[in-house]
Amino acid sequence: MNNYIKDSEIFILEKEDKIIGIYVLQIIGLLEMEIKNIAVHERFQGQGIGKFY
């Protein structure tokens, strides 16, 4: 993670002021990104949140 975090965008999904998910996109080029990490809180898993956002 330390290798790509500086070149990445981090997005946080909140519900009722609590973080329920995050994803990290590494910027590869002008029009290219790579998904590096997706995490969804256990309580919200299986609801399609990782696919939707």
C-alpha atoms as a PDB file:
ATOM      1  CA  MET A   1       0.000   0.000   0.000  1.00  0.00           C
ATOM      2  CA  ASN A   2       2.817   2.431   0.767  1.00  0.00           C
ATOM      3  CA  ASN A   3       4.022   2.010  -2.819  1.00  0.00           C
ATOM      4  CA  TYR A   4       0.859   3.355  -4.446  1.00  0.00           C
ATOM      5  CA  ILE A   5      -0.926   5.515  -1.855  1.00  0.00           C
ATOM      6  CA  LYS A   6       0.807   8.750  -2.925  1.00  0.00           C
ATOM      7  CA  ASP A   7      -0.438   8.338  -6.514  1.00  0.00           C
ATOM      8  CA  SER A   8      -3.973   7.361  -5.518  1.00  0.00           C
ATOM      9  CA  GLU A   9      -7.386   8.835  -4.881  1.00  0.00           C
ATOM     10  CA  ILE A  10      -9.203   7.594  -1.771  1.00  0.00           C
ATOM     11  CA  PHE A  11     -12.994   7.658  -1.658  1.00  0.00           C
ATOM     12  CA  ILE A  12     -15.013   7.178   1.516  1.00  0.00           C
ATOM     13  CA  LEU A  13     -18.666   6.153   1.695  1.00  0.00           C
ATOM     14  CA  GLU A  14     -20.529   7.319   4.774  1.00  0.00           C
ATOM     15  CA  LYS A  15     -23.977   6.553   6.109  1.00  0.00           C
ATOM     16  CA  GLU A  16     -25.334   8.507   9.057  1.00  0.00           C
ATOM     17  CA  ASP A  17     -21.867  10.001   9.724  1.00  0.00           C
ATOM     18  CA  LYS A  18     -20.202   6.563   9.904  1.00  0.00           C
ATOM     19  CA  ILE A  19     -17.730   5.177   7.398  1.00  0.00           C
ATOM     20  CA  ILE A  20     -19.190   2.066   5.794  1.00  0.00           C
ATOM     21  CA  GLY A  21     -16.836   1.671   2.834  1.00  0.00           C
ATOM     22  CA  ILE A  22     -13.730   2.893   1.070  1.00  0.00           C
ATOM     23  CA  TYR A  23     -12.036   2.403  -2.246  1.00  0.00           C
ATOM     24  CA  VAL A  24      -8.628   3.386  -3.524  1.00  0.00           C
ATOM     25  CA  LEU A  25      -7.884   4.174  -7.169  1.00  0.00           C
ATOM     26  CA  GLN A  26      -4.293   4.527  -8.331  1.00  0.00           C
ATOM     27  CA  ILE A  27      -3.762   7.054 -11.105  1.00  0.00           C
ATOM     28  CA  ILE A  28      -1.852   5.333 -13.918  1.00  0.00           C
ATOM     29  CA  GLY A  29      -2.142   7.946 -16.650  1.00  0.00           C
ATOM     30  CA  LEU A  30      -4.296  10.801 -17.871  1.00  0.00           C
ATOM     31  CA  LEU A  31      -7.298   8.559 -18.590  1.00  0.00           C
ATOM     32  CA  GLU A  32      -6.309   5.402 -16.743  1.00  0.00           C
ATOM     33  CA  MET A  33      -6.784   4.271 -13.135  1.00  0.00           C
ATOM     34  CA  GLU A  34      -6.464   0.956 -11.333  1.00  0.00           C
ATOM     35  CA  ILE A  35      -8.650  -0.220  -8.457  1.00  0.00           C
ATOM     36  CA  LYS A  36      -6.229  -1.001  -5.652  1.00  0.00           C
ATOM     37  CA  ASN A  37      -8.517  -1.602  -2.708  1.00  0.00           C
ATOM     38  CA  ILE A  38     -12.211  -1.897  -1.881  1.00  0.00           C
ATOM     39  CA  ALA A  39     -13.448  -2.403   1.672  1.00  0.00           C
ATOM     40  CA  VAL A  40     -17.008  -2.487   2.992  1.00  0.00           C
ATOM     41  CA  HIS A  41     -17.972  -2.761   6.652  1.00  0.00           C
ATOM     42  CA  GLU A  42     -19.159  -6.280   7.535  1.00  0.00           C
ATOM     43  CA  ARG A  43     -22.680  -5.128   8.330  1.00  0.00           C
ATOM     44  CA  PHE A  44     -23.095  -3.701   4.810  1.00  0.00           C
ATOM     45  CA  GLN A  45     -21.437  -6.471   2.811  1.00  0.00           C
ATOM     46  CA  GLY A  46     -23.503  -8.436   0.310  1.00  0.00           C
ATOM     47  CA  GLN A  47     -25.639  -5.422  -0.581  1.00  0.00           C
ATOM     48  CA  GLY A  48     -23.808  -4.446  -3.780  1.00  0.00           C
ATOM     49  CA  ILE A  49     -22.113  -1.389  -2.263  1.00  0.00           C
ATOM     50  CA  GLY A  50     -18.691  -2.331  -3.646  1.00  0.00           C
ATOM     51  CA  LYS A  51     -20.165  -2.658  -7.121  1.00  0.00           C
ATOM     52  CA  PHE A  52     -22.404   0.400  -6.983  1.00  0.00           C
ATOM     53  CA  TYR A  53     -19.973   3.063  -5.823  1.00  0.00           C
END
